[in-house]
Amino acid sequence: MNCPVPDDAVTIVIAYLRQQGLTITHTGNAYRLDEGLPNINVVIKAFRDQTISIAEDGTIHLFGIYLPSGWDTVRIRRKVEDHLRKISSTEEIIRIASCLGVRLSEPGR
């Protein structure tokens, strides 16, 4: 997806890495945990490359470590649905659909 990485998710990962005295390093196509200070740009890139992911229950998965987010995913889903239904313009809906990978037109028959 081309959507921005959620700021709250990056903050949770950075806080965890700082507490543990760790950083994420990126060499070639591989990421790994090392000792050091976290680099926000590498964390964002790791999210985009799906090395760090957000699970269905809202936990953040980081190299086999599960970080609780504390997010109320039901409330978030409801807010998104309300926004789409009440506030979003056609352009916003099309942009969001594109960001989610929804095909905007049917393939030719």
C-alpha atoms as a PDB file:
ATOM      1  CA  MET A   1       0.000   0.000   0.000  1.00  0.00           C
ATOM      2  CA  ASN A   2       1.059   3.569  -0.559  1.00  0.00           C
ATOM      3  CA  CYS A   3      -0.554   4.846   2.629  1.00  0.00           C
ATOM      4  CA  PRO A   4       1.602   6.606   5.192  1.00  0.00           C
ATOM      5  CA  VAL A   5       2.750   4.556   8.166  1.00  0.00           C
ATOM      6  CA  PRO A   6       0.627   5.435  11.237  1.00  0.00           C
ATOM      7  CA  ASP A   7       2.524   7.887  13.457  1.00  0.00           C
ATOM      8  CA  ASP A   8       1.216   6.142  16.579  1.00  0.00           C
ATOM      9  CA  ALA A   9       2.657   2.815  15.414  1.00  0.00           C
ATOM     10  CA  VAL A  10       6.069   4.368  14.731  1.00  0.00           C
ATOM     11  CA  THR A  11       5.983   6.013  18.173  1.00  0.00           C
ATOM     12  CA  ILE A  12       5.248   2.670  19.870  1.00  0.00           C
ATOM     13  CA  VAL A  13       8.113   0.944  18.047  1.00  0.00           C
ATOM     14  CA  ILE A  14      10.584   3.782  18.699  1.00  0.00           C
ATOM     15  CA  ALA A  15       9.650   3.840  22.417  1.00  0.00           C
ATOM     16  CA  TYR A  16      10.156   0.075  22.685  1.00  0.00           C
ATOM     17  CA  LEU A  17      13.504   0.206  20.883  1.00  0.00           C
ATOM     18  CA  ARG A  18      14.715   3.062  23.117  1.00  0.00           C
ATOM     19  CA  GLN A  19      13.666   1.200  26.272  1.00  0.00           C
ATOM     20  CA  GLN A  20      15.595  -1.860  25.128  1.00  0.00           C
ATOM     21  CA  GLY A  21      18.612   0.069  23.805  1.00  0.00           C
ATOM     22  CA  LEU A  22      18.028  -1.339  20.324  1.00  0.00           C
ATOM     23  CA  THR A  23      17.899  -0.107  16.772  1.00  0.00           C
ATOM     24  CA  ILE A  24      16.879  -1.641  13.468  1.00  0.00           C
ATOM     25  CA  THR A  25      19.555  -1.897  10.819  1.00  0.00           C
ATOM     26  CA  HIS A  26      18.946  -2.404   7.122  1.00  0.00           C
ATOM     27  CA  THR A  27      21.594  -4.024   4.954  1.00  0.00           C
ATOM     28  CA  GLY A  28      20.744  -5.141   1.432  1.00  0.00           C
ATOM     29  CA  ASN A  29      17.296  -6.723   1.682  1.00  0.00           C
ATOM     30  CA  ALA A  30      17.639  -7.716   5.336  1.00  0.00           C
ATOM     31  CA  TYR A  31      16.627  -6.020   8.557  1.00  0.00           C
ATOM     32  CA  ARG A  32      17.878  -6.952  12.001  1.00  0.00           C
ATOM     33  CA  LEU A  33      17.911  -5.730  15.579  1.00  0.00           C
ATOM     34  CA  ASP A  34      21.192  -4.327  16.904  1.00  0.00           C
ATOM     35  CA  GLU A  35      22.266  -2.327  19.910  1.00  0.00           C
ATOM     36  CA  GLY A  36      22.012   1.404  19.407  1.00  0.00           C
ATOM     37  CA  LEU A  37      19.676   4.340  19.020  1.00  0.00           C
ATOM     38  CA  PRO A  38      16.641   3.849  16.766  1.00  0.00           C
ATOM     39  CA  ASN A  39      16.464   5.674  13.443  1.00  0.00           C
ATOM     40  CA  ILE A  40      12.916   6.775  12.630  1.00  0.00           C
ATOM     41  CA  ASN A  41      13.519   6.573   8.867  1.00  0.00           C
ATOM     42  CA  VAL A  42      14.638   2.930   9.096  1.00  0.00           C
ATOM     43  CA  VAL A  43      11.597   2.110  11.268  1.00  0.00           C
ATOM     44  CA  ILE A  44       9.262   3.672   8.682  1.00  0.00           C
ATOM     45  CA  LYS A  45      11.017   1.787   5.871  1.00  0.00           C
ATOM     46  CA  ALA A  46      10.703  -1.467   7.845  1.00  0.00           C
ATOM     47  CA  PHE A  47       6.940  -0.844   8.153  1.00  0.00           C
ATOM     48  CA  ARG A  48       6.668  -0.164   4.413  1.00  0.00           C
ATOM     49  CA  ASP A  49       8.637  -3.337   3.630  1.00  0.00           C
ATOM     50  CA  GLN A  50       6.364  -5.221   6.083  1.00  0.00           C
ATOM     51  CA  THR A  51       9.255  -6.248   8.299  1.00  0.00           C
ATOM     52  CA  ILE A  52       7.217  -4.582  11.035  1.00  0.00           C
ATOM     53  CA  SER A  53       3.493  -5.240  10.731  1.00  0.00           C
ATOM     54  CA  ILE A  54       0.211  -4.560  12.480  1.00  0.00           C
ATOM     55  CA  ALA A  55      -1.877  -7.667  13.241  1.00  0.00           C
ATOM     56  CA  GLU A  56      -5.661  -8.005  13.142  1.00  0.00           C
ATOM     57  CA  ASP A  57      -5.832  -7.541  16.919  1.00  0.00           C
ATOM     58  CA  GLY A  58      -3.844  -4.289  16.678  1.00  0.00           C
ATOM     59  CA  THR A  59      -0.574  -5.618  18.082  1.00  0.00           C
ATOM     60  CA  ILE A  60       2.611  -4.567  16.334  1.00  0.00           C
ATOM     61  CA  HIS A  61       4.867  -7.413  15.243  1.00  0.00           C
ATOM     62  CA  LEU A  62       8.568  -6.626  15.374  1.00  0.00           C
ATOM     63  CA  PHE A  63      10.975  -9.527  14.746  1.00  0.00           C
ATOM     64  CA  GLY A  64       8.787 -12.015  16.634  1.00  0.00           C
ATOM     65  CA  ILE A  65       8.101  -9.527  19.421  1.00  0.00           C
ATOM     66  CA  TYR A  66       4.473  -8.538  19.955  1.00  0.00           C
ATOM     67  CA  LEU A  67       4.008  -4.942  21.088  1.00  0.00           C
ATOM     68  CA  PRO A  68       0.549  -4.042  22.404  1.00  0.00           C
ATOM     69  CA  SER A  69      -0.814  -0.892  20.806  1.00  0.00           C
ATOM     70  CA  GLY A  70      -3.746  -0.270  23.124  1.00  0.00           C
ATOM     71  CA  TRP A  71      -5.853   0.677  20.117  1.00  0.00           C
ATOM     72  CA  ASP A  72      -9.596   0.085  20.160  1.00  0.00           C
ATOM     73  CA  THR A  73      -9.819  -1.365  16.657  1.00  0.00           C
ATOM     74  CA  VAL A  74     -13.623  -1.551  16.739  1.00  0.00           C
ATOM     75  CA  ARG A  75     -13.802   2.184  17.500  1.00  0.00           C
ATOM     76  CA  ILE A  76     -11.252   2.952  14.773  1.00  0.00           C
ATOM     77  CA  ARG A  77     -13.240   0.917  12.229  1.00  0.00           C
ATOM     78  CA  ARG A  78     -16.438   2.736  13.232  1.00  0.00           C
ATOM     79  CA  LYS A  79     -14.743   6.147  12.872  1.00  0.00           C
ATOM     80  CA  VAL A  80     -13.453   5.252   9.400  1.00  0.00           C
ATOM     81  CA  GLU A  81     -16.889   4.017   8.307  1.00  0.00           C
ATOM     82  CA  ASP A  82     -18.567   7.156   9.676  1.00  0.00           C
ATOM     83  CA  HIS A  83     -16.009   9.372   7.946  1.00  0.00           C
ATOM     84  CA  LEU A  84     -16.494   7.618   4.623  1.00  0.00           C
ATOM     85  CA  ARG A  85     -20.266   7.748   4.895  1.00  0.00           C
ATOM     86  CA  LYS A  86     -20.701  11.316   6.151  1.00  0.00           C
ATOM     87  CA  ILE A  87     -17.688  13.438   5.331  1.00  0.00           C
ATOM     88  CA  SER A  88     -15.612  12.040   2.489  1.00  0.00           C
ATOM     89  CA  SER A  89     -15.779  13.504  -0.966  1.00  0.00           C
ATOM     90  CA  THR A  90     -15.791  11.257  -4.013  1.00  0.00           C
ATOM     91  CA  GLU A  91     -12.124  12.096  -4.549  1.00  0.00           C
ATOM     92  CA  GLU A  92     -11.231  11.035  -0.990  1.00  0.00           C
ATOM     93  CA  ILE A  93     -13.125   7.764  -1.352  1.00  0.00           C
ATOM     94  CA  ILE A  94     -11.324   7.003  -4.628  1.00  0.00           C
ATOM     95  CA  ARG A  95      -7.933   7.853  -3.078  1.00  0.00           C
ATOM     96  CA  ILE A  96      -8.623   5.661  -0.041  1.00  0.00           C
ATOM     97  CA  ALA A  97      -9.809   2.795  -2.242  1.00  0.00           C
ATOM     98  CA  SER A  98      -6.648   3.101  -4.317  1.00  0.00           C
ATOM     99  CA  CYS A  99      -4.515   3.183  -1.183  1.00  0.00           C
ATOM    100  CA  LEU A 100      -6.183  -0.030  -0.018  1.00  0.00           C
ATOM    101  CA  GLY A 101      -5.590  -1.711  -3.358  1.00  0.00           C
ATOM    102  CA  VAL A 102      -9.263  -1.793  -4.377  1.00  0.00           C
ATOM    103  CA  ARG A 103      -9.675  -2.068  -8.151  1.00  0.00           C
ATOM    104  CA  LEU A 104     -11.529   1.009  -9.333  1.00  0.00           C
ATOM    105  CA  SER A 105     -12.807  -0.390 -12.609  1.00  0.00           C
ATOM    106  CA  GLU A 106     -13.835  -3.814 -13.765  1.00  0.00           C
ATOM    107  CA  PRO A 107     -11.477  -5.504 -16.227  1.00  0.00           C
ATOM    108  CA  GLY A 108     -12.726  -5.497 -19.837  1.00  0.00           C
ATOM    109  CA  ARG A 109     -14.868  -8.458 -20.776  1.00  0.00           C
END
